[in-house]
């Protein structure tokens, strides 16, 4: 308790020693204190569940989002690392949706440009797609970090390599042919 009588202080979020990934614990031979939540050899791999309908609905302008493709790629990546049973399907769907919307905003920025016209004064203003794109990118990164931490802490093999999030820029570049 602080001098002024308020209850402040205590443990801070993120304070303390960081957890070691399961693969590192196994490599060091410290399997006695390693919690293995999921063993790929003990269970059959889950089939990729079909995405919810809202991930496949066409946009108002008739274009199709990449949400279904991102969802399938992320699920396949999790399956390859044996962590498909640990990550909630809703988390993968949220990641796919916000990543696809980020790509959509970037496409609109390419199409319309970085400037827009103010509706009443006619003066140039920043395009609303700039802010939306940044917000979606931030959301996608936060959700991806959650997914990646689950894989990092529970994957008994190496988790480096093909990262589905690295393919977002490639999707942007492929879309503009």
N, C-alpha and C. Protein backbone atom coordinates (compact mmCIF):
# COMPACT_ATOMS: atom_id res chain seq x y z
N UNK A 1 0.85 -1.17 0.00
CA UNK A 1 0.00 0.00 0.00
C UNK A 1 0.90 1.24 0.00
N UNK A 2 0.51 2.21 -0.79
CA UNK A 2 1.29 3.44 -0.90
C UNK A 2 1.04 4.33 0.31
N UNK A 3 1.86 5.37 0.47
CA UNK A 3 1.74 6.28 1.62
C UNK A 3 0.41 7.01 1.64
N UNK A 4 -0.16 7.23 0.46
CA UNK A 4 -1.42 7.97 0.42
C UNK A 4 -2.63 7.05 0.64
N UNK A 5 -2.40 5.79 0.94
CA UNK A 5 -3.49 4.88 1.27
C UNK A 5 -4.10 4.14 0.09
N UNK A 6 -3.59 4.40 -1.11
CA UNK A 6 -4.13 3.70 -2.27
C UNK A 6 -3.36 2.41 -2.51
N UNK A 7 -4.02 1.48 -3.09
CA UNK A 7 -3.38 0.19 -3.37
C UNK A 7 -2.79 0.24 -4.78
N UNK A 8 -1.56 0.65 -4.85
CA UNK A 8 -0.87 0.71 -6.13
C UNK A 8 0.33 -0.21 -6.09
N UNK A 9 0.87 -0.48 -7.22
CA UNK A 9 2.07 -1.29 -7.28
C UNK A 9 1.74 -2.75 -7.54
N UNK A 10 2.65 -3.59 -7.19
CA UNK A 10 2.45 -5.00 -7.43
C UNK A 10 3.16 -5.43 -8.70
N UNK A 11 2.92 -6.66 -9.07
CA UNK A 11 3.57 -7.23 -10.26
C UNK A 11 3.09 -6.51 -11.52
N UNK A 12 4.00 -6.28 -12.38
CA UNK A 12 3.69 -5.62 -13.64
C UNK A 12 3.51 -6.67 -14.74
N UNK A 13 2.66 -6.37 -15.68
CA UNK A 13 2.44 -7.26 -16.80
C UNK A 13 3.70 -7.34 -17.64
N UNK A 14 4.13 -8.54 -17.96
CA UNK A 14 5.31 -8.73 -18.78
C UNK A 14 6.61 -8.69 -18.00
N UNK A 15 6.52 -8.48 -16.68
CA UNK A 15 7.74 -8.43 -15.87
C UNK A 15 8.21 -9.86 -15.60
N UNK A 16 9.48 -9.99 -15.39
CA UNK A 16 10.04 -11.30 -15.06
C UNK A 16 10.67 -11.98 -16.25
N UNK A 17 11.19 -13.15 -16.00
CA UNK A 17 11.87 -13.92 -17.03
C UNK A 17 10.87 -14.41 -18.06
N UNK A 18 11.25 -14.31 -19.31
CA UNK A 18 10.39 -14.78 -20.41
C UNK A 18 10.42 -16.30 -20.46
N UNK A 19 9.30 -16.90 -20.85
CA UNK A 19 9.23 -18.34 -20.98
C UNK A 19 10.08 -18.80 -22.15
N UNK A 20 10.73 -19.94 -21.97
CA UNK A 20 11.48 -20.52 -23.07
C UNK A 20 10.53 -21.32 -23.94
N UNK A 21 10.74 -21.29 -25.26
CA UNK A 21 9.92 -22.13 -26.14
C UNK A 21 10.14 -23.61 -25.84
N UNK A 22 9.11 -24.40 -26.08
CA UNK A 22 9.16 -25.83 -25.81
C UNK A 22 10.28 -26.50 -26.60
N UNK A 23 10.48 -26.10 -27.84
CA UNK A 23 11.53 -26.70 -28.66
C UNK A 23 12.91 -26.47 -28.04
N UNK A 24 13.13 -25.29 -27.46
CA UNK A 24 14.42 -25.01 -26.80
C UNK A 24 14.59 -25.86 -25.55
N UNK A 25 13.51 -26.05 -24.79
CA UNK A 25 13.59 -26.89 -23.58
C UNK A 25 13.94 -28.33 -23.95
N UNK A 26 13.32 -28.82 -25.03
CA UNK A 26 13.59 -30.19 -25.47
C UNK A 26 15.03 -30.30 -25.97
N UNK A 27 15.51 -29.28 -26.69
CA UNK A 27 16.88 -29.31 -27.21
C UNK A 27 17.91 -29.30 -26.08
N UNK A 28 17.60 -28.64 -24.97
CA UNK A 28 18.51 -28.59 -23.83
C UNK A 28 18.39 -29.83 -22.95
N UNK A 29 17.42 -30.68 -23.24
CA UNK A 29 17.24 -31.89 -22.46
C UNK A 29 16.48 -31.66 -21.16
N UNK A 30 15.82 -30.54 -21.04
CA UNK A 30 15.06 -30.22 -19.83
C UNK A 30 13.57 -30.55 -20.05
N UNK A 31 13.31 -31.80 -20.35
CA UNK A 31 11.92 -32.19 -20.62
C UNK A 31 11.15 -32.47 -19.35
N UNK A 32 11.80 -32.54 -18.19
CA UNK A 32 11.08 -32.82 -16.95
C UNK A 32 10.18 -31.66 -16.55
N UNK A 33 10.61 -30.42 -16.82
CA UNK A 33 9.77 -29.28 -16.47
C UNK A 33 9.08 -28.68 -17.70
N UNK A 34 9.14 -29.35 -18.82
CA UNK A 34 8.48 -28.87 -20.04
C UNK A 34 7.07 -29.43 -20.08
N UNK A 35 6.11 -28.55 -20.22
CA UNK A 35 4.71 -28.97 -20.32
C UNK A 35 4.36 -29.16 -21.78
N UNK A 36 4.14 -30.37 -22.18
CA UNK A 36 3.75 -30.67 -23.55
C UNK A 36 2.23 -30.77 -23.57
N UNK A 37 1.59 -29.77 -24.16
CA UNK A 37 0.13 -29.76 -24.19
C UNK A 37 -0.43 -30.58 -25.33
N UNK A 38 0.32 -30.71 -26.38
CA UNK A 38 -0.19 -31.35 -27.58
C UNK A 38 0.94 -32.12 -28.23
N UNK A 39 0.77 -33.39 -28.42
CA UNK A 39 1.78 -34.20 -29.09
C UNK A 39 1.23 -34.64 -30.43
N UNK A 40 1.87 -34.25 -31.53
CA UNK A 40 1.36 -34.61 -32.85
C UNK A 40 1.25 -36.12 -33.05
N UNK A 41 2.12 -36.91 -32.38
CA UNK A 41 2.05 -38.35 -32.59
C UNK A 41 0.90 -38.99 -31.82
N UNK A 42 0.34 -38.27 -30.85
CA UNK A 42 -0.72 -38.85 -30.02
C UNK A 42 -2.10 -38.64 -30.62
N UNK A 43 -2.27 -37.66 -31.47
CA UNK A 43 -3.57 -37.35 -32.04
C UNK A 43 -3.47 -37.33 -33.56
N UNK A 44 -4.58 -37.59 -34.20
CA UNK A 44 -4.64 -37.37 -35.63
C UNK A 44 -4.76 -35.87 -35.86
N UNK A 45 -4.18 -35.40 -36.93
CA UNK A 45 -4.31 -33.98 -37.25
C UNK A 45 -5.75 -33.68 -37.60
N UNK A 46 -6.19 -32.52 -37.14
CA UNK A 46 -7.56 -32.11 -37.44
C UNK A 46 -7.62 -31.64 -38.89
N UNK A 47 -8.73 -31.92 -39.54
CA UNK A 47 -8.94 -31.37 -40.87
C UNK A 47 -9.22 -29.88 -40.73
N UNK A 48 -8.91 -29.16 -41.78
CA UNK A 48 -9.18 -27.72 -41.74
C UNK A 48 -10.68 -27.52 -41.74
N UNK A 49 -11.23 -26.93 -40.67
CA UNK A 49 -12.67 -26.70 -40.67
C UNK A 49 -13.03 -25.61 -41.68
N UNK A 50 -14.18 -25.69 -42.26
CA UNK A 50 -14.55 -24.66 -43.23
C UNK A 50 -14.70 -23.30 -42.54
N UNK A 51 -14.29 -22.23 -43.22
CA UNK A 51 -14.42 -20.90 -42.61
C UNK A 51 -15.88 -20.48 -42.53
N UNK A 52 -16.16 -19.58 -41.62
CA UNK A 52 -17.51 -19.05 -41.48
C UNK A 52 -17.89 -18.30 -42.76
N UNK A 53 -19.18 -18.16 -42.95
CA UNK A 53 -19.69 -17.54 -44.18
C UNK A 53 -19.25 -16.09 -44.34
N UNK A 54 -19.12 -15.36 -43.23
CA UNK A 54 -18.76 -13.95 -43.33
C UNK A 54 -17.37 -13.74 -43.90
N UNK A 55 -16.53 -14.77 -43.90
CA UNK A 55 -15.19 -14.64 -44.49
C UNK A 55 -15.21 -14.76 -46.01
N UNK A 56 -16.30 -15.27 -46.56
CA UNK A 56 -16.35 -15.51 -48.00
C UNK A 56 -17.34 -14.60 -48.73
N UNK A 57 -18.02 -13.72 -48.02
CA UNK A 57 -19.02 -12.85 -48.64
C UNK A 57 -18.31 -11.79 -49.47
N UNK A 58 -18.78 -11.55 -50.71
CA UNK A 58 -18.17 -10.50 -51.54
C UNK A 58 -18.41 -9.11 -50.93
N UNK A 59 -17.50 -8.20 -51.22
CA UNK A 59 -17.61 -6.83 -50.73
C UNK A 59 -18.68 -6.08 -51.51
N UNK A 60 -19.00 -4.89 -51.04
CA UNK A 60 -20.04 -4.08 -51.68
C UNK A 60 -19.69 -3.73 -53.12
N UNK A 61 -18.39 -3.56 -53.39
CA UNK A 61 -17.96 -3.22 -54.74
C UNK A 61 -17.80 -4.46 -55.63
N UNK A 62 -18.14 -5.63 -55.11
CA UNK A 62 -18.07 -6.86 -55.89
C UNK A 62 -16.76 -7.62 -55.77
N UNK A 63 -15.76 -7.03 -55.13
CA UNK A 63 -14.48 -7.71 -54.99
C UNK A 63 -14.56 -8.75 -53.88
N UNK A 64 -13.62 -9.67 -53.92
CA UNK A 64 -13.56 -10.74 -52.93
C UNK A 64 -12.38 -10.51 -52.00
N UNK A 65 -12.59 -10.65 -50.70
CA UNK A 65 -11.50 -10.51 -49.74
C UNK A 65 -10.63 -11.76 -49.77
N UNK A 66 -9.43 -11.62 -49.26
CA UNK A 66 -8.51 -12.75 -49.14
C UNK A 66 -8.72 -13.52 -47.85
N UNK A 67 -9.79 -13.27 -47.13
CA UNK A 67 -9.97 -13.83 -45.79
C UNK A 67 -9.97 -15.36 -45.81
N UNK A 68 -10.64 -15.96 -46.75
CA UNK A 68 -10.70 -17.42 -46.79
C UNK A 68 -9.31 -18.01 -47.08
N UNK A 69 -8.59 -17.39 -47.98
CA UNK A 69 -7.25 -17.87 -48.31
C UNK A 69 -6.29 -17.72 -47.11
N UNK A 70 -6.36 -16.59 -46.43
CA UNK A 70 -5.51 -16.38 -45.26
C UNK A 70 -5.88 -17.36 -44.15
N UNK A 71 -7.17 -17.60 -43.97
CA UNK A 71 -7.64 -18.56 -42.97
C UNK A 71 -7.07 -19.95 -43.25
N UNK A 72 -7.17 -20.40 -44.50
CA UNK A 72 -6.67 -21.74 -44.86
C UNK A 72 -5.15 -21.83 -44.72
N UNK A 73 -4.43 -20.79 -45.13
CA UNK A 73 -2.97 -20.80 -45.01
C UNK A 73 -2.53 -20.83 -43.55
N UNK A 74 -3.21 -20.05 -42.72
CA UNK A 74 -2.86 -20.03 -41.30
C UNK A 74 -3.16 -21.37 -40.65
N UNK A 75 -4.30 -21.95 -40.99
CA UNK A 75 -4.66 -23.26 -40.43
C UNK A 75 -3.65 -24.33 -40.88
N UNK A 76 -3.25 -24.29 -42.14
CA UNK A 76 -2.27 -25.26 -42.64
C UNK A 76 -0.92 -25.07 -41.94
N UNK A 77 -0.54 -23.82 -41.69
CA UNK A 77 0.72 -23.55 -40.99
C UNK A 77 0.66 -24.10 -39.57
N UNK A 78 -0.47 -23.90 -38.89
CA UNK A 78 -0.63 -24.44 -37.55
C UNK A 78 -0.61 -25.96 -37.56
N UNK A 79 -1.24 -26.54 -38.56
CA UNK A 79 -1.28 -28.00 -38.68
C UNK A 79 0.12 -28.55 -38.92
N UNK A 80 0.92 -27.87 -39.71
CA UNK A 80 2.28 -28.32 -39.99
C UNK A 80 3.15 -28.31 -38.73
N UNK A 81 2.83 -27.41 -37.81
CA UNK A 81 3.60 -27.32 -36.56
C UNK A 81 2.94 -28.08 -35.41
N UNK A 82 1.84 -28.76 -35.69
CA UNK A 82 1.19 -29.57 -34.67
C UNK A 82 0.46 -28.77 -33.62
N UNK A 83 0.08 -27.56 -33.93
CA UNK A 83 -0.61 -26.71 -32.95
C UNK A 83 -2.02 -26.34 -33.39
N UNK A 84 -2.57 -27.07 -34.34
CA UNK A 84 -3.90 -26.73 -34.84
C UNK A 84 -4.99 -26.97 -33.80
N UNK A 85 -4.73 -27.81 -32.82
CA UNK A 85 -5.72 -28.06 -31.78
C UNK A 85 -5.63 -27.10 -30.61
N UNK A 86 -4.63 -26.24 -30.60
CA UNK A 86 -4.42 -25.33 -29.47
C UNK A 86 -4.96 -23.92 -29.70
N UNK A 87 -5.03 -23.52 -30.94
CA UNK A 87 -5.46 -22.16 -31.26
C UNK A 87 -6.96 -22.18 -31.56
N UNK A 88 -7.69 -21.29 -30.93
CA UNK A 88 -9.14 -21.22 -31.13
C UNK A 88 -9.46 -20.83 -32.58
N UNK A 89 -10.48 -21.46 -33.10
CA UNK A 89 -10.88 -21.19 -34.48
C UNK A 89 -11.28 -19.71 -34.65
N UNK A 90 -11.91 -19.14 -33.63
CA UNK A 90 -12.32 -17.74 -33.70
C UNK A 90 -11.11 -16.81 -33.82
N UNK A 91 -10.01 -17.17 -33.18
CA UNK A 91 -8.80 -16.35 -33.26
C UNK A 91 -8.24 -16.37 -34.69
N UNK A 92 -8.27 -17.54 -35.30
CA UNK A 92 -7.79 -17.65 -36.69
C UNK A 92 -8.72 -16.89 -37.62
N UNK A 93 -10.02 -16.98 -37.39
CA UNK A 93 -10.99 -16.24 -38.22
C UNK A 93 -10.80 -14.74 -38.07
N UNK A 94 -10.59 -14.28 -36.84
CA UNK A 94 -10.36 -12.84 -36.63
C UNK A 94 -9.10 -12.38 -37.34
N UNK A 95 -8.04 -13.18 -37.24
CA UNK A 95 -6.79 -12.83 -37.91
C UNK A 95 -6.99 -12.75 -39.43
N UNK A 96 -7.69 -13.74 -39.98
CA UNK A 96 -7.93 -13.76 -41.42
C UNK A 96 -8.75 -12.54 -41.86
N UNK A 97 -9.76 -12.19 -41.08
CA UNK A 97 -10.63 -11.07 -41.44
C UNK A 97 -9.88 -9.74 -41.41
N UNK A 98 -9.16 -9.46 -40.33
CA UNK A 98 -8.48 -8.16 -40.25
C UNK A 98 -7.30 -8.09 -41.22
N UNK A 99 -6.64 -9.19 -41.49
CA UNK A 99 -5.57 -9.18 -42.49
C UNK A 99 -6.13 -8.91 -43.88
N UNK A 100 -7.25 -9.54 -44.19
CA UNK A 100 -7.87 -9.32 -45.50
C UNK A 100 -8.36 -7.88 -45.64
N UNK A 101 -8.88 -7.32 -44.58
CA UNK A 101 -9.33 -5.93 -44.64
C UNK A 101 -8.15 -4.97 -44.78
N UNK A 102 -7.03 -5.31 -44.16
CA UNK A 102 -5.83 -4.49 -44.34
C UNK A 102 -5.41 -4.50 -45.81
N UNK A 103 -5.42 -5.65 -46.43
CA UNK A 103 -5.07 -5.76 -47.85
C UNK A 103 -6.05 -4.97 -48.69
N UNK A 104 -7.34 -5.06 -48.36
CA UNK A 104 -8.38 -4.33 -49.09
C UNK A 104 -8.14 -2.81 -49.01
N UNK A 105 -7.82 -2.32 -47.82
CA UNK A 105 -7.55 -0.89 -47.66
C UNK A 105 -6.32 -0.46 -48.46
N UNK A 106 -5.30 -1.30 -48.48
CA UNK A 106 -4.11 -0.99 -49.26
C UNK A 106 -4.42 -0.95 -50.76
N UNK A 107 -5.29 -1.84 -51.20
CA UNK A 107 -5.69 -1.82 -52.62
C UNK A 107 -6.43 -0.53 -52.95
N UNK A 108 -7.30 -0.09 -52.05
CA UNK A 108 -8.05 1.15 -52.28
C UNK A 108 -7.12 2.35 -52.25
N UNK A 109 -6.09 2.30 -51.41
CA UNK A 109 -5.11 3.39 -51.41
C UNK A 109 -4.38 3.46 -52.74
N UNK A 110 -4.06 2.30 -53.29
CA UNK A 110 -3.40 2.27 -54.59
C UNK A 110 -4.34 2.79 -55.67
N UNK A 111 -5.60 2.45 -55.56
CA UNK A 111 -6.59 2.84 -56.58
C UNK A 111 -6.91 4.33 -56.50
N UNK A 112 -7.15 4.86 -55.29
CA UNK A 112 -7.62 6.23 -55.13
C UNK A 112 -6.54 7.22 -54.73
N UNK A 113 -5.43 6.74 -54.20
CA UNK A 113 -4.37 7.64 -53.78
C UNK A 113 -4.44 7.95 -52.30
N UNK A 114 -3.42 8.67 -51.83
CA UNK A 114 -3.29 8.97 -50.40
C UNK A 114 -4.10 10.19 -49.98
N UNK A 115 -4.58 10.97 -50.94
CA UNK A 115 -5.34 12.17 -50.62
C UNK A 115 -6.80 12.01 -51.04
N UNK A 116 -7.66 12.68 -50.29
CA UNK A 116 -9.08 12.71 -50.60
C UNK A 116 -9.53 14.16 -50.55
N UNK A 117 -10.77 14.38 -50.93
CA UNK A 117 -11.31 15.73 -50.93
C UNK A 117 -12.28 15.87 -49.76
N UNK A 118 -12.12 16.95 -48.99
CA UNK A 118 -13.02 17.18 -47.86
C UNK A 118 -14.43 17.39 -48.41
N UNK A 119 -15.44 16.77 -47.79
CA UNK A 119 -16.79 16.83 -48.36
C UNK A 119 -17.42 18.22 -48.36
N UNK A 120 -17.08 19.10 -47.44
CA UNK A 120 -17.72 20.42 -47.41
C UNK A 120 -16.83 21.53 -47.94
N UNK A 121 -15.53 21.50 -47.60
CA UNK A 121 -14.65 22.59 -48.02
C UNK A 121 -13.97 22.32 -49.35
N UNK A 122 -13.87 21.06 -49.74
CA UNK A 122 -13.20 20.72 -50.98
C UNK A 122 -11.69 20.70 -50.87
N UNK A 123 -11.16 20.98 -49.70
CA UNK A 123 -9.72 20.97 -49.49
C UNK A 123 -9.19 19.54 -49.48
N UNK A 124 -7.93 19.35 -49.86
CA UNK A 124 -7.35 18.00 -49.79
C UNK A 124 -7.13 17.57 -48.34
N UNK A 125 -7.48 16.32 -48.07
CA UNK A 125 -7.27 15.73 -46.75
C UNK A 125 -6.67 14.35 -46.94
N UNK A 126 -6.20 13.79 -45.86
CA UNK A 126 -5.67 12.43 -45.90
C UNK A 126 -6.81 11.46 -46.17
N UNK A 127 -6.56 10.49 -46.99
CA UNK A 127 -7.58 9.49 -47.31
C UNK A 127 -7.95 8.71 -46.06
N UNK A 128 -9.23 8.43 -45.87
CA UNK A 128 -9.63 7.64 -44.70
C UNK A 128 -9.08 6.21 -44.74
N UNK A 129 -8.70 5.75 -45.93
CA UNK A 129 -8.13 4.41 -46.04
C UNK A 129 -6.76 4.30 -45.36
N UNK A 130 -6.06 5.43 -45.21
CA UNK A 130 -4.76 5.41 -44.54
C UNK A 130 -4.94 5.00 -43.09
N UNK A 131 -5.83 5.66 -42.39
CA UNK A 131 -6.07 5.36 -40.97
C UNK A 131 -6.64 3.95 -40.81
N UNK A 132 -7.59 3.59 -41.66
CA UNK A 132 -8.18 2.25 -41.55
C UNK A 132 -7.13 1.18 -41.79
N UNK A 133 -6.26 1.39 -42.75
CA UNK A 133 -5.22 0.42 -43.05
C UNK A 133 -4.28 0.24 -41.86
N UNK A 134 -3.89 1.34 -41.24
CA UNK A 134 -3.01 1.27 -40.07
C UNK A 134 -3.70 0.55 -38.90
N UNK A 135 -4.98 0.83 -38.70
CA UNK A 135 -5.71 0.18 -37.62
C UNK A 135 -5.81 -1.33 -37.86
N UNK A 136 -6.13 -1.72 -39.09
CA UNK A 136 -6.24 -3.15 -39.40
C UNK A 136 -4.88 -3.84 -39.29
N UNK A 137 -3.81 -3.15 -39.70
CA UNK A 137 -2.49 -3.74 -39.60
C UNK A 137 -2.11 -3.96 -38.13
N UNK A 138 -2.45 -3.00 -37.28
CA UNK A 138 -2.16 -3.14 -35.86
C UNK A 138 -2.95 -4.30 -35.26
N UNK A 139 -4.21 -4.41 -35.59
CA UNK A 139 -5.04 -5.51 -35.09
C UNK A 139 -4.50 -6.85 -35.57
N UNK A 140 -4.14 -6.92 -36.85
CA UNK A 140 -3.63 -8.18 -37.40
C UNK A 140 -2.34 -8.59 -36.69
N UNK A 141 -1.45 -7.64 -36.43
CA UNK A 141 -0.20 -7.95 -35.74
C UNK A 141 -0.46 -8.42 -34.32
N UNK A 142 -1.38 -7.79 -33.61
CA UNK A 142 -1.68 -8.20 -32.24
C UNK A 142 -2.24 -9.62 -32.21
N UNK A 143 -3.14 -9.93 -33.11
CA UNK A 143 -3.71 -11.28 -33.15
C UNK A 143 -2.65 -12.28 -33.57
N UNK A 144 -1.80 -11.89 -34.53
CA UNK A 144 -0.76 -12.81 -34.98
C UNK A 144 0.21 -13.13 -33.83
N UNK A 145 0.56 -12.13 -33.03
CA UNK A 145 1.46 -12.37 -31.90
C UNK A 145 0.85 -13.36 -30.92
N UNK A 146 -0.46 -13.29 -30.73
CA UNK A 146 -1.13 -14.26 -29.86
C UNK A 146 -1.01 -15.67 -30.43
N UNK A 147 -1.28 -15.81 -31.72
CA UNK A 147 -1.20 -17.11 -32.37
C UNK A 147 0.24 -17.62 -32.34
N UNK A 148 1.19 -16.76 -32.67
CA UNK A 148 2.59 -17.18 -32.74
C UNK A 148 3.12 -17.57 -31.37
N UNK A 149 2.70 -16.88 -30.31
CA UNK A 149 3.14 -17.25 -28.96
C UNK A 149 2.63 -18.62 -28.57
N UNK A 150 1.43 -18.96 -28.97
CA UNK A 150 0.90 -20.30 -28.69
C UNK A 150 1.76 -21.34 -29.38
N UNK A 151 2.11 -21.08 -30.64
CA UNK A 151 2.95 -22.02 -31.39
C UNK A 151 4.34 -22.09 -30.77
N UNK A 152 4.91 -20.93 -30.44
CA UNK A 152 6.27 -20.89 -29.90
C UNK A 152 6.37 -21.64 -28.58
N UNK A 153 5.36 -21.51 -27.72
CA UNK A 153 5.41 -22.13 -26.41
C UNK A 153 5.05 -23.61 -26.43
N UNK A 154 4.39 -24.07 -27.49
CA UNK A 154 3.88 -25.44 -27.48
C UNK A 154 4.39 -26.31 -28.61
N UNK A 155 5.16 -25.77 -29.51
CA UNK A 155 5.65 -26.55 -30.64
C UNK A 155 6.91 -27.30 -30.23
N UNK A 156 6.89 -28.62 -30.37
CA UNK A 156 8.04 -29.42 -29.97
C UNK A 156 9.11 -29.46 -31.05
N UNK A 157 8.81 -29.02 -32.25
CA UNK A 157 9.80 -28.91 -33.32
C UNK A 157 10.08 -27.43 -33.55
N UNK A 158 10.97 -27.13 -34.45
CA UNK A 158 11.28 -25.73 -34.74
C UNK A 158 10.07 -25.02 -35.31
N UNK A 159 9.85 -23.79 -34.93
CA UNK A 159 8.70 -23.04 -35.40
C UNK A 159 9.09 -21.96 -36.39
N UNK A 160 10.39 -21.83 -36.69
CA UNK A 160 10.81 -20.86 -37.68
C UNK A 160 10.50 -21.41 -39.07
N UNK A 161 10.57 -20.55 -40.03
CA UNK A 161 10.35 -21.00 -41.40
C UNK A 161 9.23 -20.23 -42.05
N UNK A 162 8.39 -20.94 -42.76
CA UNK A 162 7.34 -20.28 -43.52
C UNK A 162 6.33 -19.66 -42.56
N UNK A 163 6.26 -18.37 -42.59
CA UNK A 163 5.38 -17.61 -41.72
C UNK A 163 4.26 -17.04 -42.58
N UNK A 164 3.00 -17.40 -42.33
CA UNK A 164 1.92 -16.90 -43.18
C UNK A 164 1.81 -15.38 -43.19
N UNK A 165 2.25 -14.73 -42.12
CA UNK A 165 2.14 -13.29 -42.08
C UNK A 165 3.10 -12.63 -43.07
N UNK A 166 4.19 -13.28 -43.41
CA UNK A 166 5.14 -12.71 -44.36
C UNK A 166 4.56 -12.66 -45.76
N UNK A 167 3.51 -13.40 -46.02
CA UNK A 167 2.92 -13.45 -47.35
C UNK A 167 1.94 -12.31 -47.62
N UNK A 168 1.65 -11.45 -46.64
CA UNK A 168 0.68 -10.39 -46.85
C UNK A 168 1.14 -9.42 -47.94
N UNK A 169 2.42 -9.02 -47.91
CA UNK A 169 2.91 -8.09 -48.91
C UNK A 169 2.90 -8.73 -50.28
N UNK A 170 3.23 -10.01 -50.34
CA UNK A 170 3.20 -10.69 -51.62
C UNK A 170 1.79 -10.73 -52.19
N UNK A 171 0.79 -10.90 -51.33
CA UNK A 171 -0.59 -10.90 -51.78
C UNK A 171 -0.96 -9.52 -52.36
N UNK A 172 -0.48 -8.47 -51.69
CA UNK A 172 -0.74 -7.12 -52.21
C UNK A 172 -0.13 -6.95 -53.59
N UNK A 173 1.11 -7.41 -53.76
CA UNK A 173 1.79 -7.23 -55.02
C UNK A 173 1.19 -8.09 -56.12
N UNK A 174 0.75 -9.32 -55.78
CA UNK A 174 0.15 -10.19 -56.77
C UNK A 174 -1.20 -9.69 -57.24
N UNK A 175 -1.92 -9.00 -56.38
CA UNK A 175 -3.28 -8.55 -56.70
C UNK A 175 -3.28 -7.50 -57.81
N UNK A 176 -2.20 -6.72 -57.89
CA UNK A 176 -2.15 -5.62 -58.89
C UNK A 176 -1.39 -6.09 -60.11
N UNK A 177 -2.08 -6.75 -61.01
CA UNK A 177 -1.43 -7.22 -62.23
C UNK A 177 -1.73 -6.33 -63.38
